[in-house]
């Protein structure tokens, strides 16, 4: 298994798990959870391949579907318990980071320039999550006042830039994914910390 295939398989699983948890939160049955798990797992890659005029990746890689459906099982059995720890956002961040670099790598291998490479990385990372949120009747993450697609874009750009510098293959992969995940993680952490520093909690403040 190549690095690209391994990263793609991990991305499929964690993104599918994010879809399964979102469906579980909506109290869907096992079939519904399975369907929604597929959306973030293969949605972005499917659109990427169609736009690049490539054969859709999962048609020749049916194991991708099995990986996504496997992630639906823990989401169905443990979804409510996992959701208590806000795990959905962290699994989504991990999937976004991995798909940003794998999507960019696919476009790069196809011979496209930096603009298309970065666009395909961003699209692969964000389109499937958009489908997941729409089906689950939630405001899509990329449309909220939140840094999401921007993190994928920067991660894809970092992957391209480091590859252009001639660094060995694993370094651009891991660095690009780390940049995208790090940005998203910073946003999630700051969002949790911010309320602690609200005016009502400042020393000496009291409600009249």
C-alpha atoms as a PDB file:
ATOM      1  CA  UNK A   1       0.000   0.000   0.000  1.00  0.00           C
ATOM      2  CA  UNK A   2       1.404   3.378  -1.024  1.00  0.00           C
ATOM      3  CA  UNK A   3       1.423   6.416   1.243  1.00  0.00           C
ATOM      4  CA  UNK A   4      -1.373   7.973  -0.809  1.00  0.00           C
ATOM      5  CA  UNK A   5      -3.525   4.843  -0.514  1.00  0.00           C
ATOM      6  CA  UNK A   6      -2.906   4.567   3.234  1.00  0.00           C
ATOM      7  CA  UNK A   7      -3.731   8.235   3.856  1.00  0.00           C
ATOM      8  CA  UNK A   8      -6.839   7.915   1.708  1.00  0.00           C
ATOM      9  CA  UNK A   9      -8.028   4.814   3.597  1.00  0.00           C
ATOM     10  CA  UNK A  10      -7.559   6.521   6.973  1.00  0.00           C
ATOM     11  CA  UNK A  11      -9.301   9.636   5.680  1.00  0.00           C
ATOM     12  CA  UNK A  12     -12.226   7.555   4.433  1.00  0.00           C
ATOM     13  CA  UNK A  13     -12.634   5.888   7.825  1.00  0.00           C
ATOM     14  CA  UNK A  14     -12.480   9.012   9.981  1.00  0.00           C
ATOM     15  CA  UNK A  15     -14.682  11.023   7.616  1.00  0.00           C
ATOM     16  CA  UNK A  16     -17.180   8.139   7.457  1.00  0.00           C
ATOM     17  CA  UNK A  17     -17.170   8.018  11.253  1.00  0.00           C
ATOM     18  CA  UNK A  18     -17.933  11.736  11.347  1.00  0.00           C
ATOM     19  CA  UNK A  19     -20.876  11.095   9.036  1.00  0.00           C
ATOM     20  CA  UNK A  20     -22.066   8.180  11.142  1.00  0.00           C
ATOM     21  CA  UNK A  21     -21.912  10.260  14.323  1.00  0.00           C
ATOM     22  CA  UNK A  22     -23.839  13.086  12.669  1.00  0.00           C
ATOM     23  CA  UNK A  23     -26.520  10.600  11.568  1.00  0.00           C
ATOM     24  CA  UNK A  24     -26.596   9.026  15.026  1.00  0.00           C
ATOM     25  CA  UNK A  25     -27.184  12.449  16.529  1.00  0.00           C
ATOM     26  CA  UNK A  26     -30.257  12.711  14.306  1.00  0.00           C
ATOM     27  CA  UNK A  27     -31.387   9.302  15.657  1.00  0.00           C
ATOM     28  CA  UNK A  28     -31.231   7.554  12.283  1.00  0.00           C
ATOM     29  CA  UNK A  29     -31.348   3.776  12.033  1.00  0.00           C
ATOM     30  CA  UNK A  30     -28.423   1.617  10.931  1.00  0.00           C
ATOM     31  CA  UNK A  31     -29.272   1.991   7.241  1.00  0.00           C
ATOM     32  CA  UNK A  32     -29.447   5.770   7.521  1.00  0.00           C
ATOM     33  CA  UNK A  33     -26.175   5.895   9.430  1.00  0.00           C
ATOM     34  CA  UNK A  34     -24.544   3.751   6.740  1.00  0.00           C
ATOM     35  CA  UNK A  35     -25.780   6.014   3.946  1.00  0.00           C
ATOM     36  CA  UNK A  36     -24.689   9.209   5.673  1.00  0.00           C
ATOM     37  CA  UNK A  37     -21.313   7.648   6.501  1.00  0.00           C
ATOM     38  CA  UNK A  38     -20.683   7.275   2.776  1.00  0.00           C
ATOM     39  CA  UNK A  39     -21.339  10.929   1.976  1.00  0.00           C
ATOM     40  CA  UNK A  40     -18.259  12.543   3.562  1.00  0.00           C
ATOM     41  CA  UNK A  41     -16.152   9.456   2.836  1.00  0.00           C
ATOM     42  CA  UNK A  42     -16.586   9.427  -0.943  1.00  0.00           C
ATOM     43  CA  UNK A  43     -18.463  12.625  -1.838  1.00  0.00           C
ATOM     44  CA  UNK A  44     -15.503  14.958  -2.201  1.00  0.00           C
ATOM     45  CA  UNK A  45     -13.348  12.397  -4.007  1.00  0.00           C
ATOM     46  CA  UNK A  46     -16.184  11.580  -6.400  1.00  0.00           C
ATOM     47  CA  UNK A  47     -16.630  15.222  -7.410  1.00  0.00           C
ATOM     48  CA  UNK A  48     -12.853  15.626  -7.754  1.00  0.00           C
ATOM     49  CA  UNK A  49     -12.563  12.639 -10.080  1.00  0.00           C
ATOM     50  CA  UNK A  50     -15.504  13.768 -12.211  1.00  0.00           C
ATOM     51  CA  UNK A  51     -14.018  17.235 -12.635  1.00  0.00           C
ATOM     52  CA  UNK A  52     -10.577  15.823 -13.448  1.00  0.00           C
ATOM     53  CA  UNK A  53     -12.159  13.435 -15.950  1.00  0.00           C
ATOM     54  CA  UNK A  54     -10.827  10.434 -14.048  1.00  0.00           C
ATOM     55  CA  UNK A  55     -12.596   7.188 -13.300  1.00  0.00           C
ATOM     56  CA  UNK A  56     -14.299   7.590  -9.939  1.00  0.00           C
ATOM     57  CA  UNK A  57     -11.890   6.093  -7.440  1.00  0.00           C
ATOM     58  CA  UNK A  58     -14.255   3.823  -5.521  1.00  0.00           C
ATOM     59  CA  UNK A  59     -15.466   1.999  -8.645  1.00  0.00           C
ATOM     60  CA  UNK A  60     -12.113   0.194  -8.820  1.00  0.00           C
ATOM     61  CA  UNK A  61     -11.600   0.269  -5.060  1.00  0.00           C
ATOM     62  CA  UNK A  62     -14.708  -1.323  -3.523  1.00  0.00           C
ATOM     63  CA  UNK A  63     -12.797  -1.694  -0.264  1.00  0.00           C
ATOM     64  CA  UNK A  64     -13.355   2.048   0.142  1.00  0.00           C
ATOM     65  CA  UNK A  65     -17.083   1.418   0.519  1.00  0.00           C
ATOM     66  CA  UNK A  66     -16.403  -1.372   3.021  1.00  0.00           C
ATOM     67  CA  UNK A  67     -14.122   0.882   5.081  1.00  0.00           C
ATOM     68  CA  UNK A  68     -16.803   3.580   5.189  1.00  0.00           C
ATOM     69  CA  UNK A  69     -19.526   1.114   6.151  1.00  0.00           C
ATOM     70  CA  UNK A  70     -17.266  -0.368   8.833  1.00  0.00           C
ATOM     71  CA  UNK A  71     -17.072   3.072  10.420  1.00  0.00           C
ATOM     72  CA  UNK A  72     -20.877   3.163  10.559  1.00  0.00           C
ATOM     73  CA  UNK A  73     -20.931   0.264  13.052  1.00  0.00           C
ATOM     74  CA  UNK A  74     -19.272   2.027  16.035  1.00  0.00           C
ATOM     75  CA  UNK A  75     -21.265   5.144  15.177  1.00  0.00           C
ATOM     76  CA  UNK A  76     -24.485   3.097  15.447  1.00  0.00           C
ATOM     77  CA  UNK A  77     -23.491   1.224  18.618  1.00  0.00           C
ATOM     78  CA  UNK A  78     -21.659   3.994  20.495  1.00  0.00           C
ATOM     79  CA  UNK A  79     -22.787   7.166  18.762  1.00  0.00           C
ATOM     80  CA  UNK A  80     -24.516   8.787  21.730  1.00  0.00           C
ATOM     81  CA  UNK A  81     -21.596   8.069  24.072  1.00  0.00           C
ATOM     82  CA  UNK A  82     -18.992   9.321  21.605  1.00  0.00           C
ATOM     83  CA  UNK A  83     -20.997  12.470  20.819  1.00  0.00           C
ATOM     84  CA  UNK A  84     -20.807  13.562  24.455  1.00  0.00           C
ATOM     85  CA  UNK A  85     -17.097  14.208  24.019  1.00  0.00           C
ATOM     86  CA  UNK A  86     -17.578  16.396  20.915  1.00  0.00           C
ATOM     87  CA  UNK A  87     -15.681  13.776  18.953  1.00  0.00           C
ATOM     88  CA  UNK A  88     -17.504  14.540  15.718  1.00  0.00           C
ATOM     89  CA  UNK A  89     -15.638  17.802  15.177  1.00  0.00           C
ATOM     90  CA  UNK A  90     -12.257  16.189  15.837  1.00  0.00           C
ATOM     91  CA  UNK A  91     -12.880  13.235  13.520  1.00  0.00           C
ATOM     92  CA  UNK A  92     -14.092  15.702  10.925  1.00  0.00           C
ATOM     93  CA  UNK A  93     -10.911  17.769  11.345  1.00  0.00           C
ATOM     94  CA  UNK A  94      -8.728  14.684  10.881  1.00  0.00           C
ATOM     95  CA  UNK A  95     -10.639  13.616   7.774  1.00  0.00           C
ATOM     96  CA  UNK A  96     -10.487  17.128   6.349  1.00  0.00           C
ATOM     97  CA  UNK A  97      -6.705  17.286   6.810  1.00  0.00           C
ATOM     98  CA  UNK A  98      -6.058  13.911   5.197  1.00  0.00           C
ATOM     99  CA  UNK A  99      -8.398  14.533   2.277  1.00  0.00           C
ATOM    100  CA  UNK A 100      -6.855  17.957   1.645  1.00  0.00           C
ATOM    101  CA  UNK A 101      -3.468  16.393   0.876  1.00  0.00           C
ATOM    102  CA  UNK A 102      -4.747  13.265  -0.870  1.00  0.00           C
ATOM    103  CA  UNK A 103      -6.994  15.354  -3.130  1.00  0.00           C
ATOM    104  CA  UNK A 104      -4.094  17.667  -3.934  1.00  0.00           C
ATOM    105  CA  UNK A 105      -1.833  14.676  -4.593  1.00  0.00           C
ATOM    106  CA  UNK A 106      -4.296  13.174  -7.079  1.00  0.00           C
ATOM    107  CA  UNK A 107      -4.418  16.424  -9.051  1.00  0.00           C
ATOM    108  CA  UNK A 108      -0.635  16.739  -8.907  1.00  0.00           C
ATOM    109  CA  UNK A 109      -0.155  13.179 -10.192  1.00  0.00           C
ATOM    110  CA  UNK A 110      -2.514  14.036 -13.061  1.00  0.00           C
ATOM    111  CA  UNK A 111      -0.161  16.842 -14.106  1.00  0.00           C
ATOM    112  CA  UNK A 112      -2.215  19.895 -13.149  1.00  0.00           C
ATOM    113  CA  UNK A 113      -0.806  23.213 -11.975  1.00  0.00           C
ATOM    114  CA  UNK A 114      -0.835  24.721  -8.467  1.00  0.00           C
ATOM    115  CA  UNK A 115      -4.236  26.423  -8.719  1.00  0.00           C
ATOM    116  CA  UNK A 116      -6.058  23.218  -9.685  1.00  0.00           C
ATOM    117  CA  UNK A 117      -4.040  21.177  -7.193  1.00  0.00           C
ATOM    118  CA  UNK A 118      -5.043  23.446  -4.320  1.00  0.00           C
ATOM    119  CA  UNK A 119      -8.662  23.667  -5.509  1.00  0.00           C
ATOM    120  CA  UNK A 120      -8.976  19.880  -5.760  1.00  0.00           C
ATOM    121  CA  UNK A 121      -7.473  19.441  -2.303  1.00  0.00           C
ATOM    122  CA  UNK A 122      -9.919  21.929  -0.826  1.00  0.00           C
ATOM    123  CA  UNK A 123     -12.882  20.419  -2.671  1.00  0.00           C
ATOM    124  CA  UNK A 124     -12.015  16.832  -1.723  1.00  0.00           C
ATOM    125  CA  UNK A 125     -11.767  17.867   1.915  1.00  0.00           C
ATOM    126  CA  UNK A 126     -14.946  19.917   2.159  1.00  0.00           C
ATOM    127  CA  UNK A 127     -17.588  18.773  -0.353  1.00  0.00           C
ATOM    128  CA  UNK A 128     -18.405  15.444   1.332  1.00  0.00           C
ATOM    129  CA  UNK A 129     -18.894  17.168   4.681  1.00  0.00           C
ATOM    130  CA  UNK A 130     -21.194  19.655   2.973  1.00  0.00           C
ATOM    131  CA  UNK A 131     -23.378  16.777   1.728  1.00  0.00           C
ATOM    132  CA  UNK A 132     -23.365  15.179   5.185  1.00  0.00           C
ATOM    133  CA  UNK A 133     -24.529  18.349   6.909  1.00  0.00           C
ATOM    134  CA  UNK A 134     -27.245  19.059   4.337  1.00  0.00           C
ATOM    135  CA  UNK A 135     -28.691  15.540   4.641  1.00  0.00           C
ATOM    136  CA  UNK A 136     -28.577  15.817   8.457  1.00  0.00           C
ATOM    137  CA  UNK A 137     -30.387  19.166   8.251  1.00  0.00           C
ATOM    138  CA  UNK A 138     -27.516  21.077   9.808  1.00  0.00           C
ATOM    139  CA  UNK A 139     -25.831  24.301   8.754  1.00  0.00           C
ATOM    140  CA  UNK A 140     -22.734  23.101   6.832  1.00  0.00           C
ATOM    141  CA  UNK A 141     -19.444  23.633   8.628  1.00  0.00           C
ATOM    142  CA  UNK A 142     -17.966  25.458   5.633  1.00  0.00           C
ATOM    143  CA  UNK A 143     -20.797  28.018   5.756  1.00  0.00           C
ATOM    144  CA  UNK A 144     -20.520  28.822   9.445  1.00  0.00           C
ATOM    145  CA  UNK A 145     -18.383  31.566  10.951  1.00  0.00           C
ATOM    146  CA  UNK A 146     -15.577  29.067  11.252  1.00  0.00           C
ATOM    147  CA  UNK A 147     -12.252  28.287   9.588  1.00  0.00           C
ATOM    148  CA  UNK A 148     -12.766  25.032   7.724  1.00  0.00           C
ATOM    149  CA  UNK A 149     -12.312  25.169   3.949  1.00  0.00           C
ATOM    150  CA  UNK A 150      -9.564  27.730   4.546  1.00  0.00           C
ATOM    151  CA  UNK A 151      -7.676  25.196   6.655  1.00  0.00           C
ATOM    152  CA  UNK A 152      -7.971  22.629   3.857  1.00  0.00           C
ATOM    153  CA  UNK A 153      -6.807  25.187   1.296  1.00  0.00           C
ATOM    154  CA  UNK A 154      -3.741  26.112   3.351  1.00  0.00           C
ATOM    155  CA  UNK A 155      -2.916  22.451   3.974  1.00  0.00           C
ATOM    156  CA  UNK A 156      -3.162  21.659   0.252  1.00  0.00           C
ATOM    157  CA  UNK A 157      -1.015  24.695  -0.561  1.00  0.00           C
ATOM    158  CA  UNK A 158       1.587  23.584   1.984  1.00  0.00           C
ATOM    159  CA  UNK A 159       1.656  20.125   0.413  1.00  0.00           C
ATOM    160  CA  UNK A 160       2.190  21.601  -3.048  1.00  0.00           C
ATOM    161  CA  UNK A 161       4.838  24.051  -1.868  1.00  0.00           C
ATOM    162  CA  UNK A 162       6.884  21.455  -0.008  1.00  0.00           C
ATOM    163  CA  UNK A 163       6.642  19.059  -2.940  1.00  0.00           C
ATOM    164  CA  UNK A 164       7.915  21.799  -5.263  1.00  0.00           C
ATOM    165  CA  UNK A 165      10.893  22.253  -2.961  1.00  0.00           C
ATOM    166  CA  UNK A 166      11.850  18.652  -3.739  1.00  0.00           C
ATOM    167  CA  UNK A 167      11.330  17.253  -0.259  1.00  0.00           C
ATOM    168  CA  UNK A 168      10.891  13.456   0.041  1.00  0.00           C
ATOM    169  CA  UNK A 169       7.320  12.218  -0.466  1.00  0.00           C
ATOM    170  CA  UNK A 170       6.346  11.576   3.189  1.00  0.00           C
ATOM    171  CA  UNK A 171       7.274  15.078   4.335  1.00  0.00           C
ATOM    172  CA  UNK A 172       4.829  17.085   2.162  1.00  0.00           C
ATOM    173  CA  UNK A 173       2.060  14.592   3.016  1.00  0.00           C
ATOM    174  CA  UNK A 174       2.477  14.745   6.765  1.00  0.00           C
ATOM    175  CA  UNK A 175       3.320  18.453   6.861  1.00  0.00           C
ATOM    176  CA  UNK A 176       0.356  19.461   4.701  1.00  0.00           C
ATOM    177  CA  UNK A 177      -2.037  17.353   6.762  1.00  0.00           C
ATOM    178  CA  UNK A 178      -0.514  18.657   9.998  1.00  0.00           C
ATOM    179  CA  UNK A 179      -0.935  22.268   8.869  1.00  0.00           C
ATOM    180  CA  UNK A 180      -4.599  21.750   7.942  1.00  0.00           C
ATOM    181  CA  UNK A 181      -5.355  19.831  11.140  1.00  0.00           C
ATOM    182  CA  UNK A 182      -3.408  22.274  13.300  1.00  0.00           C
ATOM    183  CA  UNK A 183      -5.352  25.260  11.993  1.00  0.00           C
ATOM    184  CA  UNK A 184      -8.668  23.511  12.501  1.00  0.00           C
ATOM    185  CA  UNK A 185      -7.664  22.265  15.947  1.00  0.00           C
ATOM    186  CA  UNK A 186      -6.647  25.792  16.984  1.00  0.00           C
ATOM    187  CA  UNK A 187     -10.082  27.080  15.968  1.00  0.00           C
ATOM    188  CA  UNK A 188     -11.855  24.331  17.928  1.00  0.00           C
ATOM    189  CA  UNK A 189      -9.740  24.895  21.038  1.00  0.00           C
ATOM    190  CA  UNK A 190     -10.155  28.673  20.938  1.00  0.00           C
ATOM    191  CA  UNK A 191     -13.900  28.285  20.515  1.00  0.00           C
ATOM    192  CA  UNK A 192     -14.015  26.304  23.770  1.00  0.00           C
ATOM    193  CA  UNK A 193     -11.690  28.666  25.609  1.00  0.00           C
ATOM    194  CA  UNK A 194     -13.317  31.932  24.552  1.00  0.00           C
ATOM    195  CA  UNK A 195     -16.389  31.689  26.838  1.00  0.00           C
ATOM    196  CA  UNK A 196     -14.109  31.402  29.864  1.00  0.00           C
ATOM    197  CA  UNK A 197     -12.858  34.894  29.204  1.00  0.00           C
ATOM    198  CA  UNK A 198     -16.228  36.478  28.735  1.00  0.00           C
ATOM    199  CA  UNK A 199     -16.956  39.685  30.598  1.00  0.00           C
ATOM    200  CA  UNK A 200     -19.140  37.923  33.128  1.00  0.00           C
ATOM    201  CA  UNK A 201     -16.200  35.839  34.323  1.00  0.00           C
ATOM    202  CA  UNK A 202     -13.618  38.618  34.603  1.00  0.00           C
ATOM    203  CA  UNK A 203     -12.352  39.349  38.157  1.00  0.00           C
ATOM    204  CA  UNK A 204     -14.317  42.077  39.877  1.00  0.00           C
ATOM    205  CA  UNK A 205     -17.285  41.869  37.542  1.00  0.00           C
ATOM    206  CA  UNK A 206     -20.696  41.281  38.964  1.00  0.00           C
ATOM    207  CA  UNK A 207     -24.168  41.286  37.550  1.00  0.00           C
ATOM    208  CA  UNK A 208     -26.411  44.143  38.736  1.00  0.00           C
END
